[in-house]
Amino acid sequence: MTPFGAAMRRMRTERGITQRAMAEAIGVSPAYLSALEHGHRGRPSWEFVQKVIGFFNIIWDEAEELQRLAYLSDPKIKLETSGLSQQKTEIANRLAHLLPQMSEKELATLSALLDQIER
């Protein structure tokens, strides 16, 4: 599941809305919504995210957060390190290798570190 898929599913279930009803309202198939929620589709388009924001009638911070989550929701990441330093290539490869086996606590620690770097 992607961050965007999890958020969309949470909003939909909190409001008691079925995938079929939401799909019909925003003009996509229920299968597409299911694939997005489960991380089987790529990052949603800006236009799709705007439809979801409008459908749920969310504004400001919540809308910005949903857009941020959509940006972070590509389930098939390709990281090009050619031209970068040896250390950056090594870190990218180590992360790719270790990520599947990291605990939730380790992921939270790594996420907090990345948050600090982004500031």
PDB file of N, CA and C in Angstrom:
ATOM      1  N   MET A   1       0.856  -1.177   0.000  1.00  0.00           N
ATOM      2  CA  MET A   1       0.000   0.000   0.000  1.00  0.00           C
ATOM      3  C   MET A   1       0.902   1.240   0.000  1.00  0.00           C
ATOM      4  N   THR A   2       0.509   2.233  -0.733  1.00  0.00           N
ATOM      5  CA  THR A   2       1.275   3.481  -0.792  1.00  0.00           C
ATOM      6  C   THR A   2       0.714   4.478   0.229  1.00  0.00           C
ATOM      7  N   PRO A   3       1.485   5.516   0.558  1.00  0.00           N
ATOM      8  CA  PRO A   3       0.953   6.529   1.482  1.00  0.00           C
ATOM      9  C   PRO A   3      -0.347   7.171   0.975  1.00  0.00           C
ATOM     10  N   PHE A   4      -0.404   7.471  -0.326  1.00  0.00           N
ATOM     11  CA  PHE A   4      -1.616   8.065  -0.891  1.00  0.00           C
ATOM     12  C   PHE A   4      -2.768   7.070  -0.831  1.00  0.00           C
ATOM     13  N   GLY A   5      -2.511   5.818  -1.197  1.00  0.00           N
ATOM     14  CA  GLY A   5      -3.549   4.796  -1.168  1.00  0.00           C
ATOM     15  C   GLY A   5      -4.121   4.593   0.219  1.00  0.00           C
ATOM     16  N   ALA A   6      -3.240   4.586   1.223  1.00  0.00           N
ATOM     17  CA  ALA A   6      -3.690   4.412   2.605  1.00  0.00           C
ATOM     18  C   ALA A   6      -4.542   5.595   3.046  1.00  0.00           C
ATOM     19  N   ALA A   7      -4.131   6.809   2.687  1.00  0.00           N
ATOM     20  CA  ALA A   7      -4.890   8.001   3.073  1.00  0.00           C
ATOM     21  C   ALA A   7      -6.257   8.021   2.391  1.00  0.00           C
ATOM     22  N   MET A   8      -6.277   7.699   1.111  1.00  0.00           N
ATOM     23  CA  MET A   8      -7.532   7.701   0.370  1.00  0.00           C
ATOM     24  C   MET A   8      -8.488   6.648   0.952  1.00  0.00           C
ATOM     25  N   ARG A   9      -7.957   5.479   1.229  1.00  0.00           N
ATOM     26  CA  ARG A   9      -8.794   4.419   1.790  1.00  0.00           C
ATOM     27  C   ARG A   9      -9.334   4.815   3.165  1.00  0.00           C
ATOM     28  N   ARG A  10      -8.478   5.430   3.996  1.00  0.00           N
ATOM     29  CA  ARG A  10      -8.903   5.856   5.319  1.00  0.00           C
ATOM     30  C   ARG A  10     -10.040   6.872   5.206  1.00  0.00           C
ATOM     31  N   MET A  11      -9.887   7.869   4.341  1.00  0.00           N
ATOM     32  CA  MET A  11     -10.936   8.880   4.179  1.00  0.00           C
ATOM     33  C   MET A  11     -12.230   8.255   3.659  1.00  0.00           C
ATOM     34  N   ARG A  12     -12.088   7.337   2.732  1.00  0.00           N
ATOM     35  CA  ARG A  12     -13.271   6.696   2.145  1.00  0.00           C
ATOM     36  C   ARG A  12     -14.014   5.860   3.183  1.00  0.00           C
ATOM     37  N   THR A  13     -13.274   5.047   3.947  1.00  0.00           N
ATOM     38  CA  THR A  13     -13.934   4.183   4.932  1.00  0.00           C
ATOM     39  C   THR A  13     -14.482   4.977   6.112  1.00  0.00           C
ATOM     40  N   GLU A  14     -13.783   6.047   6.531  1.00  0.00           N
ATOM     41  CA  GLU A  14     -14.299   6.894   7.614  1.00  0.00           C
ATOM     42  C   GLU A  14     -15.643   7.512   7.245  1.00  0.00           C
ATOM     43  N   ARG A  15     -15.840   7.755   5.969  1.00  0.00           N
ATOM     44  CA  ARG A  15     -17.086   8.383   5.511  1.00  0.00           C
ATOM     45  C   ARG A  15     -18.117   7.356   5.047  1.00  0.00           C
ATOM     46  N   GLY A  16     -17.751   6.080   5.125  1.00  0.00           N
ATOM     47  CA  GLY A  16     -18.683   5.021   4.740  1.00  0.00           C
ATOM     48  C   GLY A  16     -18.974   4.970   3.250  1.00  0.00           C
ATOM     49  N   ILE A  17     -17.980   5.298   2.439  1.00  0.00           N
ATOM     50  CA  ILE A  17     -18.159   5.342   0.990  1.00  0.00           C
ATOM     51  C   ILE A  17     -17.517   4.103   0.365  1.00  0.00           C
ATOM     52  N   THR A  18     -18.231   3.454  -0.525  1.00  0.00           N
ATOM     53  CA  THR A  18     -17.676   2.282  -1.207  1.00  0.00           C
ATOM     54  C   THR A  18     -16.750   2.726  -2.342  1.00  0.00           C
ATOM     55  N   GLN A  19     -15.890   1.818  -2.740  1.00  0.00           N
ATOM     56  CA  GLN A  19     -15.028   2.100  -3.889  1.00  0.00           C
ATOM     57  C   GLN A  19     -15.877   2.363  -5.122  1.00  0.00           C
ATOM     58  N   ARG A  20     -16.921   1.588  -5.289  1.00  0.00           N
ATOM     59  CA  ARG A  20     -17.782   1.739  -6.461  1.00  0.00           C
ATOM     60  C   ARG A  20     -18.405   3.138  -6.498  1.00  0.00           C
ATOM     61  N   ALA A  21     -18.930   3.602  -5.384  1.00  0.00           N
ATOM     62  CA  ALA A  21     -19.570   4.922  -5.337  1.00  0.00           C
ATOM     63  C   ALA A  21     -18.549   6.030  -5.600  1.00  0.00           C
ATOM     64  N   MET A  22     -17.378   5.919  -5.006  1.00  0.00           N
ATOM     65  CA  MET A  22     -16.352   6.935  -5.218  1.00  0.00           C
ATOM     66  C   MET A  22     -15.882   6.926  -6.667  1.00  0.00           C
ATOM     67  N   ALA A  23     -15.652   5.737  -7.199  1.00  0.00           N
ATOM     68  CA  ALA A  23     -15.186   5.617  -8.581  1.00  0.00           C
ATOM     69  C   ALA A  23     -16.181   6.248  -9.548  1.00  0.00           C
ATOM     70  N   GLU A  24     -17.442   5.967  -9.349  1.00  0.00           N
ATOM     71  CA  GLU A  24     -18.473   6.528 -10.222  1.00  0.00           C
ATOM     72  C   GLU A  24     -18.498   8.050 -10.132  1.00  0.00           C
ATOM     73  N   ALA A  25     -18.343   8.567  -8.927  1.00  0.00           N
ATOM     74  CA  ALA A  25     -18.409  10.017  -8.722  1.00  0.00           C
ATOM     75  C   ALA A  25     -17.238  10.759  -9.359  1.00  0.00           C
ATOM     76  N   ILE A  26     -16.051  10.133  -9.399  1.00  0.00           N
ATOM     77  CA  ILE A  26     -14.889  10.843  -9.956  1.00  0.00           C
ATOM     78  C   ILE A  26     -14.498  10.352 -11.347  1.00  0.00           C
ATOM     79  N   GLY A  27     -15.261   9.389 -11.881  1.00  0.00           N
ATOM     80  CA  GLY A  27     -15.064   8.989 -13.267  1.00  0.00           C
ATOM     81  C   GLY A  27     -13.937   8.004 -13.532  1.00  0.00           C
ATOM     82  N   VAL A  28     -13.704   7.093 -12.592  1.00  0.00           N
ATOM     83  CA  VAL A  28     -12.720   6.022 -12.804  1.00  0.00           C
ATOM     84  C   VAL A  28     -13.382   4.701 -12.452  1.00  0.00           C
ATOM     85  N   SER A  29     -12.690   3.613 -12.716  1.00  0.00           N
ATOM     86  CA  SER A  29     -13.250   2.307 -12.387  1.00  0.00           C
ATOM     87  C   SER A  29     -12.953   1.934 -10.940  1.00  0.00           C
ATOM     88  N   PRO A  30     -13.819   1.115 -10.330  1.00  0.00           N
ATOM     89  CA  PRO A  30     -13.533   0.627  -8.984  1.00  0.00           C
ATOM     90  C   PRO A  30     -12.216  -0.156  -8.933  1.00  0.00           C
ATOM     91  N   ALA A  31     -11.889  -0.847 -10.019  1.00  0.00           N
ATOM     92  CA  ALA A  31     -10.632  -1.592 -10.076  1.00  0.00           C
ATOM     93  C   ALA A  31      -9.427  -0.656  -9.978  1.00  0.00           C
ATOM     94  N   TYR A  32      -9.529   0.508 -10.605  1.00  0.00           N
ATOM     95  CA  TYR A  32      -8.449   1.487 -10.531  1.00  0.00           C
ATOM     96  C   TYR A  32      -8.272   1.985  -9.103  1.00  0.00           C
ATOM     97  N   LEU A  33      -9.369   2.313  -8.428  1.00  0.00           N
ATOM     98  CA  LEU A  33      -9.273   2.761  -7.034  1.00  0.00           C
ATOM     99  C   LEU A  33      -8.666   1.674  -6.161  1.00  0.00           C
ATOM    100  N   SER A  34      -9.094   0.449  -6.358  1.00  0.00           N
ATOM    101  CA  SER A  34      -8.549  -0.660  -5.584  1.00  0.00           C
ATOM    102  C   SER A  34      -7.050  -0.802  -5.816  1.00  0.00           C
ATOM    103  N   ALA A  35      -6.636  -0.710  -7.071  1.00  0.00           N
ATOM    104  CA  ALA A  35      -5.212  -0.818  -7.398  1.00  0.00           C
ATOM    105  C   ALA A  35      -4.410   0.318  -6.766  1.00  0.00           C
ATOM    106  N   LEU A  36      -4.960   1.524  -6.752  1.00  0.00           N
ATOM    107  CA  LEU A  36      -4.285   2.652  -6.098  1.00  0.00           C
ATOM    108  C   LEU A  36      -4.173   2.423  -4.595  1.00  0.00           C
ATOM    109  N   GLU A  37      -5.265   1.982  -3.990  1.00  0.00           N
ATOM    110  CA  GLU A  37      -5.259   1.756  -2.549  1.00  0.00           C
ATOM    111  C   GLU A  37      -4.258   0.674  -2.144  1.00  0.00           C
ATOM    112  N   HIS A  38      -4.068  -0.308  -2.980  1.00  0.00           N
ATOM    113  CA  HIS A  38      -3.178  -1.423  -2.648  1.00  0.00           C
ATOM    114  C   HIS A  38      -1.767  -1.280  -3.199  1.00  0.00           C
ATOM    115  N   GLY A  39      -1.476  -0.161  -3.846  1.00  0.00           N
ATOM    116  CA  GLY A  39      -0.125   0.087  -4.332  1.00  0.00           C
ATOM    117  C   GLY A  39       0.236  -0.650  -5.604  1.00  0.00           C
ATOM    118  N   HIS A  40      -0.772  -1.014  -6.393  1.00  0.00           N
ATOM    119  CA  HIS A  40      -0.522  -1.724  -7.647  1.00  0.00           C
ATOM    120  C   HIS A  40      -0.551  -0.803  -8.861  1.00  0.00           C
ATOM    121  N   ARG A  41      -0.714   0.481  -8.620  1.00  0.00           N
ATOM    122  CA  ARG A  41      -0.672   1.479  -9.693  1.00  0.00           C
ATOM    123  C   ARG A  41       0.385   2.505  -9.342  1.00  0.00           C
ATOM    124  N   GLY A  42       0.871   3.182 -10.349  1.00  0.00           N
ATOM    125  CA  GLY A  42       1.888   4.204 -10.136  1.00  0.00           C
ATOM    126  C   GLY A  42       1.335   5.422  -9.426  1.00  0.00           C
ATOM    127  N   ARG A  43       2.195   6.398  -9.289  1.00  0.00           N
ATOM    128  CA  ARG A  43       1.816   7.655  -8.646  1.00  0.00           C
ATOM    129  C   ARG A  43       0.609   8.246  -9.370  1.00  0.00           C
ATOM    130  N   PRO A  44      -0.422   8.675  -8.625  1.00  0.00           N
ATOM    131  CA  PRO A  44      -1.596   9.263  -9.281  1.00  0.00           C
ATOM    132  C   PRO A  44      -1.254  10.618  -9.888  1.00  0.00           C
ATOM    133  N   SER A  45      -1.950  10.971 -10.936  1.00  0.00           N
ATOM    134  CA  SER A  45      -1.724  12.249 -11.598  1.00  0.00           C
ATOM    135  C   SER A  45      -2.234  13.397 -10.728  1.00  0.00           C
ATOM    136  N   TRP A  46      -1.736  14.601 -11.028  1.00  0.00           N
ATOM    137  CA  TRP A  46      -2.185  15.790 -10.318  1.00  0.00           C
ATOM    138  C   TRP A  46      -3.694  15.957 -10.493  1.00  0.00           C
ATOM    139  N   GLU A  47      -4.181  15.709 -11.692  1.00  0.00           N
ATOM    140  CA  GLU A  47      -5.607  15.858 -11.977  1.00  0.00           C
ATOM    141  C   GLU A  47      -6.438  14.896 -11.129  1.00  0.00           C
ATOM    142  N   PHE A  48      -5.959  13.656 -11.008  1.00  0.00           N
ATOM    143  CA  PHE A  48      -6.684  12.672 -10.199  1.00  0.00           C
ATOM    144  C   PHE A  48      -6.709  13.106  -8.735  1.00  0.00           C
ATOM    145  N   VAL A  49      -5.575  13.558  -8.225  1.00  0.00           N
ATOM    146  CA  VAL A  49      -5.504  14.001  -6.830  1.00  0.00           C
ATOM    147  C   VAL A  49      -6.486  15.150  -6.603  1.00  0.00           C
ATOM    148  N   GLN A  50      -6.596  16.064  -7.568  1.00  0.00           N
ATOM    149  CA  GLN A  50      -7.546  17.181  -7.441  1.00  0.00           C
ATOM    150  C   GLN A  50      -8.982  16.668  -7.392  1.00  0.00           C
ATOM    151  N   LYS A  51      -9.286  15.632  -8.166  1.00  0.00           N
ATOM    152  CA  LYS A  51     -10.627  15.035  -8.119  1.00  0.00           C
ATOM    153  C   LYS A  51     -10.911  14.445  -6.745  1.00  0.00           C
ATOM    154  N   VAL A  52      -9.920  13.780  -6.171  1.00  0.00           N
ATOM    155  CA  VAL A  52     -10.089  13.190  -4.842  1.00  0.00           C
ATOM    156  C   VAL A  52     -10.284  14.286  -3.798  1.00  0.00           C
ATOM    157  N   ILE A  53      -9.493  15.346  -3.884  1.00  0.00           N
ATOM    158  CA  ILE A  53      -9.627  16.472  -2.960  1.00  0.00           C
ATOM    159  C   ILE A  53     -11.030  17.074  -3.064  1.00  0.00           C
ATOM    160  N   GLY A  54     -11.509  17.255  -4.284  1.00  0.00           N
ATOM    161  CA  GLY A  54     -12.856  17.780  -4.475  1.00  0.00           C
ATOM    162  C   GLY A  54     -13.930  16.822  -3.985  1.00  0.00           C
ATOM    163  N   PHE A  55     -13.746  15.546  -4.248  1.00  0.00           N
ATOM    164  CA  PHE A  55     -14.728  14.544  -3.836  1.00  0.00           C
ATOM    165  C   PHE A  55     -14.910  14.544  -2.323  1.00  0.00           C
ATOM    166  N   PHE A  56     -13.792  14.607  -1.597  1.00  0.00           N
ATOM    167  CA  PHE A  56     -13.859  14.596  -0.141  1.00  0.00           C
ATOM    168  C   PHE A  56     -14.059  15.988   0.456  1.00  0.00           C
ATOM    169  N   ASN A  57     -14.065  16.999  -0.412  1.00  0.00           N
ATOM    170  CA  ASN A  57     -14.281  18.380   0.020  1.00  0.00           C
ATOM    171  C   ASN A  57     -13.304  18.774   1.126  1.00  0.00           C
ATOM    172  N   ILE A  58     -12.027  18.518   0.860  1.00  0.00           N
ATOM    173  CA  ILE A  58     -11.002  18.870   1.845  1.00  0.00           C
ATOM    174  C   ILE A  58     -10.257  20.114   1.374  1.00  0.00           C
ATOM    175  N   ILE A  59      -9.745  20.857   2.323  1.00  0.00           N
ATOM    176  CA  ILE A  59      -9.076  22.116   1.985  1.00  0.00           C
ATOM    177  C   ILE A  59      -7.771  22.259   2.761  1.00  0.00           C
ATOM    178  N   TRP A  60      -7.017  23.251   2.381  1.00  0.00           N
ATOM    179  CA  TRP A  60      -5.804  23.713   3.029  1.00  0.00           C
ATOM    180  C   TRP A  60      -4.815  22.614   3.370  1.00  0.00           C
ATOM    181  N   ASP A  61      -4.537  22.486   4.665  1.00  0.00           N
ATOM    182  CA  ASP A  61      -3.477  21.577   5.105  1.00  0.00           C
ATOM    183  C   ASP A  61      -3.740  20.130   4.698  1.00  0.00           C
ATOM    184  N   GLU A  62      -4.980  19.697   4.822  1.00  0.00           N
ATOM    185  CA  GLU A  62      -5.308  18.309   4.479  1.00  0.00           C
ATOM    186  C   GLU A  62      -5.132  18.067   2.976  1.00  0.00           C
ATOM    187  N   ALA A  63      -5.501  19.051   2.172  1.00  0.00           N
ATOM    188  CA  ALA A  63      -5.321  18.929   0.719  1.00  0.00           C
ATOM    189  C   ALA A  63      -3.839  18.921   0.358  1.00  0.00           C
ATOM    190  N   GLU A  64      -3.065  19.787   0.994  1.00  0.00           N
ATOM    191  CA  GLU A  64      -1.613  19.813   0.745  1.00  0.00           C
ATOM    192  C   GLU A  64      -0.964  18.499   1.159  1.00  0.00           C
ATOM    193  N   GLU A  65      -1.408  17.948   2.281  1.00  0.00           N
ATOM    194  CA  GLU A  65      -0.862  16.671   2.747  1.00  0.00           C
ATOM    195  C   GLU A  65      -1.195  15.551   1.765  1.00  0.00           C
ATOM    196  N   LEU A  66      -2.406  15.548   1.240  1.00  0.00           N
ATOM    197  CA  LEU A  66      -2.775  14.519   0.272  1.00  0.00           C
ATOM    198  C   LEU A  66      -1.927  14.649  -0.995  1.00  0.00           C
ATOM    199  N   GLN A  67      -1.654  15.859  -1.438  1.00  0.00           N
ATOM    200  CA  GLN A  67      -0.786  16.070  -2.603  1.00  0.00           C
ATOM    201  C   GLN A  67       0.635  15.584  -2.312  1.00  0.00           C
ATOM    202  N   ARG A  68       1.121  15.854  -1.099  1.00  0.00           N
ATOM    203  CA  ARG A  68       2.458  15.400  -0.704  1.00  0.00           C
ATOM    204  C   ARG A  68       2.522  13.868  -0.700  1.00  0.00           C
ATOM    205  N   LEU A  69       1.483  13.240  -0.164  1.00  0.00           N
ATOM    206  CA  LEU A  69       1.456  11.779  -0.119  1.00  0.00           C
ATOM    207  C   LEU A  69       1.403  11.185  -1.526  1.00  0.00           C
ATOM    208  N   ALA A  70       0.687  11.839  -2.423  1.00  0.00           N
ATOM    209  CA  ALA A  70       0.635  11.357  -3.809  1.00  0.00           C
ATOM    210  C   ALA A  70       2.021  11.398  -4.425  1.00  0.00           C
ATOM    211  N   TYR A  71       2.760  12.467  -4.171  1.00  0.00           N
ATOM    212  CA  TYR A  71       4.112  12.601  -4.703  1.00  0.00           C
ATOM    213  C   TYR A  71       5.027  11.484  -4.181  1.00  0.00           C
ATOM    214  N   LEU A  72       4.789  11.054  -2.962  1.00  0.00           N
ATOM    215  CA  LEU A  72       5.623  10.027  -2.331  1.00  0.00           C
ATOM    216  C   LEU A  72       5.089   8.614  -2.548  1.00  0.00           C
ATOM    217  N   SER A  73       4.193   8.425  -3.497  1.00  0.00           N
ATOM    218  CA  SER A  73       3.510   7.142  -3.636  1.00  0.00           C
ATOM    219  C   SER A  73       3.796   6.384  -4.919  1.00  0.00           C
ATOM    220  N   ASP A  74       4.978   6.523  -5.450  1.00  0.00           N
ATOM    221  CA  ASP A  74       5.339   5.720  -6.615  1.00  0.00           C
ATOM    222  C   ASP A  74       5.855   4.376  -6.116  1.00  0.00           C
ATOM    223  N   PRO A  75       5.135   3.268  -6.368  1.00  0.00           N
ATOM    224  CA  PRO A  75       5.554   1.979  -5.815  1.00  0.00           C
ATOM    225  C   PRO A  75       6.738   1.341  -6.548  1.00  0.00           C
ATOM    226  N   LYS A  76       7.141   1.918  -7.662  1.00  0.00           N
ATOM    227  CA  LYS A  76       8.252   1.342  -8.430  1.00  0.00           C
ATOM    228  C   LYS A  76       9.325   2.405  -8.629  1.00  0.00           C
ATOM    229  N   ILE A  77      10.152   2.567  -7.628  1.00  0.00           N
ATOM    230  CA  ILE A  77      11.186   3.593  -7.638  1.00  0.00           C
ATOM    231  C   ILE A  77      12.399   3.114  -8.415  1.00  0.00           C
ATOM    232  N   LYS A  78      12.932   3.979  -9.253  1.00  0.00           N
ATOM    233  CA  LYS A  78      14.195   3.727  -9.929  1.00  0.00           C
ATOM    234  C   LYS A  78      15.112   4.872  -9.541  1.00  0.00           C
ATOM    235  N   LEU A  79      16.260   4.536  -9.003  1.00  0.00           N
ATOM    236  CA  LEU A  79      17.184   5.549  -8.532  1.00  0.00           C
ATOM    237  C   LEU A  79      18.453   5.487  -9.366  1.00  0.00           C
ATOM    238  N   GLU A  80      18.709   6.540 -10.104  1.00  0.00           N
ATOM    239  CA  GLU A  80      19.888   6.637 -10.964  1.00  0.00           C
ATOM    240  C   GLU A  80      21.012   7.284 -10.174  1.00  0.00           C
ATOM    241  N   THR A  81      22.125   6.553  -9.991  1.00  0.00           N
ATOM    242  CA  THR A  81      23.246   7.107  -9.226  1.00  0.00           C
ATOM    243  C   THR A  81      24.479   7.355 -10.087  1.00  0.00           C
ATOM    244  N   SER A  82      24.388   7.106 -11.385  1.00  0.00           N
ATOM    245  CA  SER A  82      25.555   7.387 -12.217  1.00  0.00           C
ATOM    246  C   SER A  82      25.829   8.879 -12.183  1.00  0.00           C
ATOM    247  N   GLY A  83      27.076   9.232 -12.003  1.00  0.00           N
ATOM    248  CA  GLY A  83      27.459  10.627 -11.894  1.00  0.00           C
ATOM    249  C   GLY A  83      27.454  11.150 -10.473  1.00  0.00           C
ATOM    250  N   LEU A  84      26.926  10.364  -9.548  1.00  0.00           N
ATOM    251  CA  LEU A  84      26.958  10.755  -8.142  1.00  0.00           C
ATOM    252  C   LEU A  84      28.197  10.158  -7.484  1.00  0.00           C
ATOM    253  N   SER A  85      28.457  10.556  -6.274  1.00  0.00           N
ATOM    254  CA  SER A  85      29.644  10.057  -5.573  1.00  0.00           C
ATOM    255  C   SER A  85      29.517   8.572  -5.253  1.00  0.00           C
ATOM    256  N   GLN A  86      30.655   7.983  -4.999  1.00  0.00           N
ATOM    257  CA  GLN A  86      30.707   6.566  -4.613  1.00  0.00           C
ATOM    258  C   GLN A  86      29.878   6.341  -3.353  1.00  0.00           C
ATOM    259  N   GLN A  87      29.946   7.280  -2.408  1.00  0.00           N
ATOM    260  CA  GLN A  87      29.222   7.135  -1.154  1.00  0.00           C
ATOM    261  C   GLN A  87      27.705   7.171  -1.377  1.00  0.00           C
ATOM    262  N   LYS A  88      27.245   8.037  -2.271  1.00  0.00           N
ATOM    263  CA  LYS A  88      25.810   8.109  -2.558  1.00  0.00           C
ATOM    264  C   LYS A  88      25.326   6.826  -3.231  1.00  0.00           C
ATOM    265  N   THR A  89      26.119   6.282  -4.132  1.00  0.00           N
ATOM    266  CA  THR A  89      25.766   5.012  -4.780  1.00  0.00           C
ATOM    267  C   THR A  89      25.710   3.889  -3.753  1.00  0.00           C
ATOM    268  N   GLU A  90      26.690   3.860  -2.870  1.00  0.00           N
ATOM    269  CA  GLU A  90      26.723   2.829  -1.833  1.00  0.00           C
ATOM    270  C   GLU A  90      25.497   2.924  -0.930  1.00  0.00           C
ATOM    271  N   ILE A  91      25.162   4.134  -0.497  1.00  0.00           N
ATOM    272  CA  ILE A  91      24.011   4.317   0.392  1.00  0.00           C
ATOM    273  C   ILE A  91      22.716   3.906  -0.308  1.00  0.00           C
ATOM    274  N   ALA A  92      22.562   4.256  -1.572  1.00  0.00           N
ATOM    275  CA  ALA A  92      21.362   3.877  -2.323  1.00  0.00           C
ATOM    276  C   ALA A  92      21.239   2.360  -2.395  1.00  0.00           C
ATOM    277  N   ASN A  93      22.332   1.679  -2.657  1.00  0.00           N
ATOM    278  CA  ASN A  93      22.306   0.221  -2.749  1.00  0.00           C
ATOM    279  C   ASN A  93      22.065  -0.433  -1.391  1.00  0.00           C
ATOM    280  N   ARG A  94      22.661   0.102  -0.359  1.00  0.00           N
ATOM    281  CA  ARG A  94      22.435  -0.446   0.981  1.00  0.00           C
ATOM    282  C   ARG A  94      20.979  -0.278   1.388  1.00  0.00           C
ATOM    283  N   LEU A  95      20.424   0.878   1.114  1.00  0.00           N
ATOM    284  CA  LEU A  95      19.033   1.124   1.467  1.00  0.00           C
ATOM    285  C   LEU A  95      18.106   0.173   0.693  1.00  0.00           C
ATOM    286  N   ALA A  96      18.374  -0.002  -0.594  1.00  0.00           N
ATOM    287  CA  ALA A  96      17.555  -0.921  -1.401  1.00  0.00           C
ATOM    288  C   ALA A  96      17.609  -2.342  -0.834  1.00  0.00           C
ATOM    289  N   HIS A  97      18.760  -2.727  -0.339  1.00  0.00           N
ATOM    290  CA  HIS A  97      18.930  -4.074   0.207  1.00  0.00           C
ATOM    291  C   HIS A  97      18.271  -4.209   1.585  1.00  0.00           C
ATOM    292  N   LEU A  98      18.412  -3.194   2.429  1.00  0.00           N
ATOM    293  CA  LEU A  98      17.949  -3.286   3.814  1.00  0.00           C
ATOM    294  C   LEU A  98      16.475  -2.944   4.016  1.00  0.00           C
ATOM    295  N   LEU A  99      15.923  -2.128   3.170  1.00  0.00           N
ATOM    296  CA  LEU A  99      14.561  -1.635   3.357  1.00  0.00           C
ATOM    297  C   LEU A  99      13.527  -2.735   3.608  1.00  0.00           C
ATOM    298  N   PRO A 100      13.519  -3.814   2.826  1.00  0.00           N
ATOM    299  CA  PRO A 100      12.485  -4.833   3.050  1.00  0.00           C
ATOM    300  C   PRO A 100      12.539  -5.493   4.431  1.00  0.00           C
ATOM    301  N   GLN A 101      13.697  -5.505   5.059  1.00  0.00           N
ATOM    302  CA  GLN A 101      13.816  -6.192   6.345  1.00  0.00           C
ATOM    303  C   GLN A 101      13.824  -5.250   7.548  1.00  0.00           C
ATOM    304  N   MET A 102      13.682  -3.952   7.315  1.00  0.00           N
ATOM    305  CA  MET A 102      13.707  -2.994   8.421  1.00  0.00           C
ATOM    306  C   MET A 102      12.422  -3.058   9.233  1.00  0.00           C
ATOM    307  N   SER A 103      12.569  -2.897  10.541  1.00  0.00           N
ATOM    308  CA  SER A 103      11.414  -2.887  11.442  1.00  0.00           C
ATOM    309  C   SER A 103      10.706  -1.535  11.355  1.00  0.00           C
ATOM    310  N   GLU A 104       9.505  -1.478  11.893  1.00  0.00           N
ATOM    311  CA  GLU A 104       8.757  -0.220  11.913  1.00  0.00           C
ATOM    312  C   GLU A 104       9.513   0.827  12.728  1.00  0.00           C
ATOM    313  N   LYS A 105      10.146   0.425  13.813  1.00  0.00           N
ATOM    314  CA  LYS A 105      10.917   1.361  14.636  1.00  0.00           C
ATOM    315  C   LYS A 105      12.101   1.916  13.842  1.00  0.00           C
ATOM    316  N   GLU A 106      12.797   1.061  13.119  1.00  0.00           N
ATOM    317  CA  GLU A 106      13.927   1.512  12.302  1.00  0.00           C
ATOM    318  C   GLU A 106      13.461   2.441  11.189  1.00  0.00           C
ATOM    319  N   LEU A 107      12.317   2.121  10.590  1.00  0.00           N
ATOM    320  CA  LEU A 107      11.769   2.988   9.542  1.00  0.00           C
ATOM    321  C   LEU A 107      11.396   4.356  10.101  1.00  0.00           C
ATOM    322  N   ALA A 108      10.831   4.384  11.302  1.00  0.00           N
ATOM    323  CA  ALA A 108      10.468   5.656  11.920  1.00  0.00           C
ATOM    324  C   ALA A 108      11.717   6.494  12.195  1.00  0.00           C
ATOM    325  N   THR A 109      12.784   5.852  12.640  1.00  0.00           N
ATOM    326  CA  THR A 109      14.038   6.559  12.897  1.00  0.00           C
ATOM    327  C   THR A 109      14.601   7.136  11.610  1.00  0.00           C
ATOM    328  N   LEU A 110      14.607   6.336  10.551  1.00  0.00           N
ATOM    329  CA  LEU A 110      15.102   6.790   9.250  1.00  0.00           C
ATOM    330  C   LEU A 110      14.235   7.920   8.708  1.00  0.00           C
ATOM    331  N   SER A 111      12.935   7.796   8.850  1.00  0.00           N
ATOM    332  CA  SER A 111      12.024   8.829   8.377  1.00  0.00           C
ATOM    333  C   SER A 111      12.263  10.145   9.118  1.00  0.00           C
ATOM    334  N   ALA A 112      12.483  10.078  10.423  1.00  0.00           N
ATOM    335  CA  ALA A 112      12.761  11.289  11.207  1.00  0.00           C
ATOM    336  C   ALA A 112      14.056  11.946  10.747  1.00  0.00           C
ATOM    337  N   LEU A 113      15.058  11.150  10.435  1.00  0.00           N
ATOM    338  CA  LEU A 113      16.319  11.693   9.937  1.00  0.00           C
ATOM    339  C   LEU A 113      16.112  12.373   8.586  1.00  0.00           C
ATOM    340  N   LEU A 114      15.361  11.747   7.700  1.00  0.00           N
ATOM    341  CA  LEU A 114      15.079  12.348   6.397  1.00  0.00           C
ATOM    342  C   LEU A 114      14.295  13.657   6.552  1.00  0.00           C
ATOM    343  N   ASP A 115      13.364  13.682   7.505  1.00  0.00           N
ATOM    344  CA  ASP A 115      12.619  14.912   7.767  1.00  0.00           C
ATOM    345  C   ASP A 115      13.556  16.039   8.167  1.00  0.00           C
ATOM    346  N   GLN A 116      14.545  15.734   8.999  1.00  0.00           N
ATOM    347  CA  GLN A 116      15.519  16.744   9.422  1.00  0.00           C
ATOM    348  C   GLN A 116      16.334  17.257   8.229  1.00  0.00           C
ATOM    349  N   ILE A 117      16.727  16.356   7.347  1.00  0.00           N
ATOM    350  CA  ILE A 117      17.525  16.726   6.188  1.00  0.00           C
ATOM    351  C   ILE A 117      16.716  17.601   5.229  1.00  0.00           C
ATOM    352  N   GLU A 118      15.431  17.313   5.071  1.00  0.00           N
ATOM    353  CA  GLU A 118      14.585  18.069   4.155  1.00  0.00           C
ATOM    354  C   GLU A 118      14.347  19.504   4.613  1.00  0.00           C
ATOM    355  N   ARG A 119      14.497  19.760   5.871  1.00  0.00           N
ATOM    356  CA  ARG A 119      14.229  21.120   6.391  1.00  0.00           C
ATOM    357  C   ARG A 119      15.270  22.053   5.987  1.00  0.00           C
TER     358      ARG A 119
END
